[in-house]
Amino acid sequence: MAEGQATEGQNEATGILRQLQVDLFALTKARLSVLVVMTACFGYFIATKGLDTFSRAIFLHMVFGTTLAAAGASVFNQLMEVDSDRRMVRTSDRPLPANRMPKPAAFLLGWLLCAFGLIHLGVKVNTGASVMAGATLLTYLFIYTPMKRVSSANTLVGGVSGALPPLIGWLAGGQGILSAGAAFLFGLLFLWQLPHFAAINWMYREEYLRGGFNMWSNEDESGRRTARIALFYSIILTVLSIAFPFVTGSMAGWGAVGGGLLGLLMVLLSLRFLKSGKRDDARRLFFYTLLYLPLMMLTSYLAWRAAAP
């Protein structure tokens, strides 16, 4: 009898710990945080390629600090959107709207993660990386998140916030913010996000309406308006990928070919979505954007000749 009760107690404790682990994973949006860190690493690799400035210690400290800051930003974002998340099916089971975690505990966790992340970057990497991480938090939490309920232009602001993490790596690598390399990193991430978010906005437009968010896809049942937005930014992204190597000389010419082909496929998928207005085509565009980014980052790194001054 006692052994059975002990086993039952152990199973219950294991279940609680497993649920807590799942909730922390969801609260910090671990997958999104991985994307943020990945782009910061890309910026660092680009900044130090062809130079003797690569430091394993600086790189690891940058990864650690950026991870903390990104996780903290996700916690605060969910604190600010609890009511909206509760109304949307795909987010209603998150730990805060489902009342599995108290808000004060989440606030403390978010504050500690953000504070330690920024301090760690400032002390162990450099001031520039810490300031850029702080700018990312500022635009994400205090401009983009509240703006989602006010204007569909929030996606553009969100694009700015999402384009800053590679600059954390760029500055961590000792490069300047007023440089061709910094402009390329920002432009690539900013333009990539807009077709990406246009597709997901339209796929979940009813959810966003239910949550009270003002998005590009609101009431766009045909998908034409959203698809035109995706097409427009896909074209600009492709032009950037082709033009940058020739304009700056920081990238080998074949990088323009690789980037151009990757961008052209996004343009074609956007056109297909525009013509059909089908969810399946929006989904294809969305999943291709997920494939495009790592392939474009790899192409850019391999074609990069040296960090732009």
Protein backbone atom coordinates (compact mmCIF):
# COMPACT_ATOMS: atom_id res chain seq x y z
CA MET A 1 0.00 0.00 0.00
CA ALA A 2 2.75 2.43 0.99
CA GLU A 3 4.80 1.49 -2.05
CA GLY A 4 1.80 2.13 -4.30
CA GLN A 5 1.19 5.53 -2.74
CA ALA A 6 4.88 6.41 -3.09
CA THR A 7 4.87 5.42 -6.76
CA GLU A 8 1.70 7.42 -7.35
CA GLY A 9 3.29 10.43 -5.63
CA GLN A 10 6.42 10.11 -7.76
CA ASN A 11 4.36 9.90 -10.94
CA GLU A 12 2.39 12.97 -9.91
CA ALA A 13 5.57 14.91 -9.16
CA THR A 14 7.05 13.83 -12.49
CA GLY A 15 3.90 14.98 -14.27
CA ILE A 16 4.02 18.38 -12.56
CA LEU A 17 7.68 18.85 -13.48
CA ARG A 18 7.02 17.83 -17.07
CA GLN A 19 4.10 20.28 -17.32
CA LEU A 20 6.26 23.03 -15.84
CA GLN A 21 8.94 22.32 -18.40
CA VAL A 22 6.39 22.48 -21.22
CA ASP A 23 4.94 25.71 -19.84
CA LEU A 24 8.35 27.38 -19.56
CA PHE A 25 9.10 26.30 -23.12
CA ALA A 26 5.84 27.90 -24.28
CA LEU A 27 6.20 31.02 -22.12
CA THR A 28 9.64 31.82 -23.48
CA LYS A 29 8.62 30.92 -27.06
CA ALA A 30 11.70 28.77 -27.36
CA ARG A 31 11.37 28.27 -31.12
CA LEU A 32 11.17 32.01 -31.76
CA SER A 33 14.10 32.58 -29.40
CA VAL A 34 16.14 30.05 -31.39
CA LEU A 35 15.43 32.04 -34.57
CA VAL A 36 16.56 35.27 -32.88
CA VAL A 37 19.78 33.66 -31.66
CA MET A 38 20.39 32.06 -35.05
CA THR A 39 20.24 35.43 -36.81
CA ALA A 40 22.51 36.99 -34.18
CA CYS A 41 25.03 34.19 -34.83
CA PHE A 42 24.75 34.90 -38.55
CA GLY A 43 25.61 38.53 -37.92
CA TYR A 44 28.64 37.56 -35.84
CA PHE A 45 29.93 35.09 -38.44
CA ILE A 46 29.57 37.67 -41.20
CA ALA A 47 31.27 40.35 -39.09
CA THR A 48 34.31 38.21 -38.35
CA LYS A 49 34.73 36.34 -41.63
CA GLY A 50 38.16 36.87 -43.15
CA LEU A 51 39.41 38.60 -40.01
CA ASP A 52 41.28 37.51 -36.91
CA THR A 53 38.62 38.86 -34.59
CA PHE A 54 36.58 35.69 -34.09
CA SER A 55 36.50 34.81 -30.40
CA ARG A 56 34.85 31.63 -29.16
CA ALA A 57 34.34 33.20 -25.74
CA ILE A 58 32.70 36.35 -27.14
CA PHE A 59 30.55 34.23 -29.41
CA LEU A 60 29.30 32.04 -26.56
CA HIS A 61 28.64 35.04 -24.32
CA MET A 62 26.70 36.68 -27.15
CA VAL A 63 24.60 33.55 -27.64
CA PHE A 64 23.89 33.29 -23.90
CA GLY A 65 22.96 36.95 -23.44
CA THR A 66 20.83 37.06 -26.58
CA THR A 67 19.01 33.89 -25.56
CA LEU A 68 18.12 35.34 -22.16
CA ALA A 69 16.92 38.64 -23.63
CA ALA A 70 14.85 36.93 -26.34
CA ALA A 71 13.22 34.59 -23.83
CA GLY A 72 12.43 37.49 -21.52
CA ALA A 73 10.86 39.46 -24.37
CA SER A 74 8.59 36.52 -25.14
CA VAL A 75 7.44 36.34 -21.52
CA PHE A 76 6.53 40.03 -21.43
CA ASN A 77 4.82 39.77 -24.81
CA GLN A 78 2.53 37.04 -23.48
CA LEU A 79 1.87 39.02 -20.30
CA MET A 80 0.71 41.93 -22.46
CA GLU A 81 -1.52 39.73 -24.62
CA VAL A 82 -3.13 37.39 -22.09
CA ASP A 83 -6.69 38.44 -22.92
CA SER A 84 -6.12 38.19 -26.67
CA ASP A 85 -4.43 34.80 -26.33
CA ARG A 86 -7.38 33.56 -24.30
CA ARG A 87 -9.74 34.33 -27.20
CA MET A 88 -7.68 32.55 -29.87
CA VAL A 89 -7.82 28.78 -30.18
CA ARG A 90 -4.16 28.29 -31.06
CA THR A 91 -2.96 30.31 -28.05
CA SER A 92 -5.65 29.67 -25.44
CA ASP A 93 -3.71 26.81 -23.87
CA ARG A 94 -0.60 28.88 -23.18
CA PRO A 95 0.33 28.89 -19.48
CA LEU A 96 -0.94 32.43 -18.73
CA PRO A 97 -4.39 32.36 -20.43
CA ALA A 98 -4.88 28.82 -19.14
CA ASN A 99 -4.10 30.03 -15.60
CA ARG A 100 -1.34 27.47 -15.05
CA MET A 101 1.13 30.18 -14.09
CA PRO A 102 0.52 33.32 -12.01
CA LYS A 103 1.20 36.64 -13.70
CA PRO A 104 3.53 37.94 -10.94
CA ALA A 105 5.76 34.88 -11.37
CA ALA A 106 5.85 35.39 -15.14
CA PHE A 107 6.63 39.10 -14.68
CA LEU A 108 9.53 38.32 -12.35
CA LEU A 109 10.85 35.68 -14.75
CA GLY A 110 10.63 38.06 -17.72
CA TRP A 111 12.32 40.88 -15.83
CA LEU A 112 15.18 38.66 -14.67
CA LEU A 113 15.74 37.20 -18.13
CA CYS A 114 15.78 40.59 -19.86
CA ALA A 115 17.91 42.27 -17.21
CA PHE A 116 20.51 39.52 -17.00
CA GLY A 117 20.59 39.19 -20.79
CA LEU A 118 21.32 42.88 -21.37
CA ILE A 119 23.80 43.08 -18.49
CA HIS A 120 25.59 39.95 -19.67
CA LEU A 121 25.94 41.33 -23.20
CA GLY A 122 27.22 44.64 -21.88
CA VAL A 123 29.78 43.11 -19.51
CA LYS A 124 30.94 40.06 -21.46
CA VAL A 125 30.54 41.20 -25.08
CA ASN A 126 30.40 44.96 -25.60
CA THR A 127 28.17 47.98 -25.11
CA GLY A 128 27.01 48.03 -28.73
CA ALA A 129 25.61 44.51 -28.58
CA SER A 130 23.80 45.28 -25.32
CA VAL A 131 22.32 48.52 -26.69
CA MET A 132 21.14 46.75 -29.84
CA ALA A 133 19.48 44.02 -27.76
CA GLY A 134 17.83 46.76 -25.70
CA ALA A 135 16.58 48.43 -28.90
CA THR A 136 15.11 45.10 -29.97
CA LEU A 137 13.23 44.78 -26.68
CA LEU A 138 12.05 48.40 -26.87
CA THR A 139 10.57 48.13 -30.36
CA TYR A 140 9.11 44.66 -29.75
CA LEU A 141 7.45 45.29 -26.41
CA PHE A 142 6.63 48.99 -26.31
CA ILE A 143 5.84 49.76 -29.95
CA TYR A 144 5.02 46.59 -31.89
CA THR A 145 3.00 44.69 -29.26
CA PRO A 146 0.56 47.52 -28.32
CA MET A 147 0.39 48.65 -31.96
CA LYS A 148 -1.07 45.27 -32.98
CA ARG A 149 -4.45 46.40 -31.64
CA VAL A 150 -4.32 49.79 -33.35
CA SER A 151 -2.88 49.61 -36.86
CA SER A 152 -1.99 47.00 -39.46
CA ALA A 153 1.30 48.86 -39.86
CA ASN A 154 2.36 46.96 -36.74
CA THR A 155 3.84 44.31 -39.04
CA LEU A 156 6.33 46.84 -40.39
CA VAL A 157 7.36 47.77 -36.85
CA GLY A 158 7.60 44.09 -35.99
CA GLY A 159 9.83 43.71 -39.03
CA VAL A 160 12.17 46.35 -37.61
CA SER A 161 12.30 44.56 -34.27
CA GLY A 162 13.01 41.24 -35.97
CA ALA A 163 15.73 42.77 -38.14
CA LEU A 164 17.81 44.03 -35.18
CA PRO A 165 19.11 40.70 -33.73
CA PRO A 166 21.65 40.09 -36.55
CA LEU A 167 23.06 43.52 -35.70
CA ILE A 168 23.69 42.27 -32.16
CA GLY A 169 26.09 39.75 -33.69
CA TRP A 170 27.49 42.31 -36.12
CA LEU A 171 28.35 44.71 -33.28
CA ALA A 172 29.62 41.85 -31.11
CA GLY A 173 32.06 41.11 -33.94
CA GLY A 174 33.49 44.60 -33.65
CA GLN A 175 31.89 46.12 -36.75
CA GLY A 176 30.24 49.53 -36.97
CA ILE A 177 26.55 50.15 -37.26
CA LEU A 178 26.96 52.63 -40.16
CA SER A 179 28.27 50.14 -42.70
CA ALA A 180 27.19 48.25 -45.79
CA GLY A 181 27.25 44.98 -43.89
CA ALA A 182 24.90 46.29 -41.21
CA ALA A 183 22.53 47.64 -43.88
CA PHE A 184 22.50 44.27 -45.65
CA LEU A 185 21.78 42.32 -42.46
CA PHE A 186 18.98 44.66 -41.48
CA GLY A 187 17.48 44.76 -44.97
CA LEU A 188 17.60 40.99 -45.43
CA LEU A 189 15.82 40.21 -42.16
CA PHE A 190 13.34 43.07 -42.46
CA LEU A 191 12.25 42.20 -45.99
CA TRP A 192 12.18 38.45 -45.33
CA GLN A 193 9.74 38.84 -42.44
CA LEU A 194 7.07 40.65 -44.44
CA PRO A 195 6.12 37.82 -46.87
CA HIS A 196 6.55 35.42 -43.97
CA PHE A 197 4.11 37.29 -41.74
CA ALA A 198 1.75 38.12 -44.61
CA ALA A 199 1.26 34.41 -45.26
CA ILE A 200 0.72 33.47 -41.61
CA ASN A 201 -1.54 36.50 -41.07
CA TRP A 202 -3.85 35.35 -43.84
CA MET A 203 -3.80 31.70 -42.77
CA TYR A 204 -4.96 32.68 -39.27
CA ARG A 205 -6.91 35.83 -40.11
CA GLU A 206 -10.02 34.68 -38.25
CA GLU A 207 -7.95 33.97 -35.15
CA TYR A 208 -6.34 37.41 -35.27
CA LEU A 209 -9.75 39.05 -35.64
CA ARG A 210 -11.02 37.06 -32.66
CA GLY A 211 -8.00 38.17 -30.66
CA GLY A 212 -8.60 41.84 -31.48
CA PHE A 213 -5.49 42.33 -33.61
CA ASN A 214 -5.41 44.74 -36.55
CA MET A 215 -3.52 42.83 -39.24
CA TRP A 216 -3.00 43.12 -43.00
CA SER A 217 -5.22 40.12 -43.59
CA ASN A 218 -8.25 41.35 -41.63
CA GLU A 219 -11.38 40.87 -43.75
CA ASP A 220 -9.23 39.91 -46.75
CA GLU A 221 -11.20 36.77 -47.60
CA SER A 222 -9.89 36.56 -51.16
CA GLY A 223 -6.27 36.85 -50.05
CA ARG A 224 -5.49 39.28 -52.87
CA ARG A 225 -4.47 42.21 -50.72
CA THR A 226 -2.26 40.05 -48.51
CA ALA A 227 -0.73 38.26 -51.50
CA ARG A 228 0.08 41.58 -53.19
CA ILE A 229 1.92 42.68 -50.05
CA ALA A 230 3.86 39.41 -49.98
CA LEU A 231 4.68 39.76 -53.68
CA PHE A 232 5.84 43.37 -53.33
CA TYR A 233 8.29 42.64 -50.53
CA SER A 234 9.45 39.40 -52.15
CA ILE A 235 10.45 41.39 -55.23
CA ILE A 236 12.34 43.98 -53.16
CA LEU A 237 14.07 41.19 -51.24
CA THR A 238 15.17 39.59 -54.49
CA VAL A 239 16.48 42.91 -55.82
CA LEU A 240 18.49 43.40 -52.61
CA SER A 241 19.97 39.91 -52.89
CA ILE A 242 21.04 40.50 -56.49
CA ALA A 243 22.21 44.11 -56.19
CA PHE A 244 24.18 44.02 -52.92
CA PRO A 245 27.19 41.98 -54.15
CA PHE A 246 27.70 44.23 -57.17
CA VAL A 247 27.07 47.53 -55.40
CA THR A 248 29.33 46.92 -52.40
CA GLY A 249 31.79 44.24 -53.54
CA SER A 250 31.47 42.62 -50.10
CA MET A 251 30.08 39.43 -51.61
CA ALA A 252 31.20 37.30 -54.53
CA GLY A 253 29.15 37.59 -57.69
CA TRP A 254 27.83 34.05 -57.43
CA GLY A 255 26.13 35.13 -54.19
CA ALA A 256 23.87 37.34 -56.30
CA VAL A 257 22.94 34.32 -58.40
CA GLY A 258 22.15 32.17 -55.35
CA GLY A 259 20.24 34.93 -53.60
CA GLY A 260 18.40 35.81 -56.79
CA LEU A 261 17.23 32.24 -57.36
CA LEU A 262 16.09 31.87 -53.75
CA GLY A 263 14.21 35.15 -53.97
CA LEU A 264 12.70 34.32 -57.35
CA LEU A 265 11.09 31.20 -55.92
CA MET A 266 9.49 33.32 -53.18
CA VAL A 267 8.19 35.69 -55.86
CA LEU A 268 6.68 32.79 -57.80
CA LEU A 269 5.02 31.35 -54.69
CA SER A 270 3.59 34.80 -53.88
CA LEU A 271 2.23 35.03 -57.43
CA ARG A 272 0.68 31.59 -57.09
CA PHE A 273 -1.01 32.66 -53.85
CA LEU A 274 -2.21 35.87 -55.53
CA LYS A 275 -3.79 33.97 -58.42
CA SER A 276 -5.43 31.21 -56.39
CA GLY A 277 -6.23 32.80 -53.03
CA LYS A 278 -6.06 29.31 -51.54
CA ARG A 279 -4.91 28.47 -48.02
CA ASP A 280 -2.66 25.71 -49.37
CA ASP A 281 -0.73 28.23 -51.46
CA ALA A 282 -0.43 30.61 -48.52
CA ARG A 283 0.87 27.69 -46.49
CA ARG A 284 3.43 26.83 -49.20
CA LEU A 285 4.66 30.41 -49.17
CA PHE A 286 4.89 30.39 -45.39
CA PHE A 287 6.88 27.17 -45.24
CA TYR A 288 9.16 28.32 -48.04
CA THR A 289 10.02 31.46 -46.09
CA LEU A 290 11.15 29.18 -43.27
CA LEU A 291 13.41 27.35 -45.72
CA TYR A 292 14.57 30.53 -47.46
CA LEU A 293 16.15 32.19 -44.44
CA PRO A 294 18.73 29.52 -43.48
CA LEU A 295 19.56 28.92 -47.15
CA MET A 296 20.03 32.64 -47.77
CA MET A 297 22.15 33.05 -44.66
CA LEU A 298 24.35 30.14 -45.71
CA THR A 299 24.67 31.51 -49.25
CA SER A 300 25.53 34.98 -47.96
CA TYR A 301 28.14 33.68 -45.55
CA LEU A 302 29.86 31.49 -48.14
CA ALA A 303 29.88 34.32 -50.70
CA TRP A 304 31.01 36.96 -48.20
CA ARG A 305 34.50 38.21 -49.04
CA ALA A 306 35.25 40.21 -45.91
CA ALA A 307 33.42 42.25 -43.34
CA ALA A 308 32.40 45.54 -44.93
CA PRO A 309 34.08 48.57 -43.34
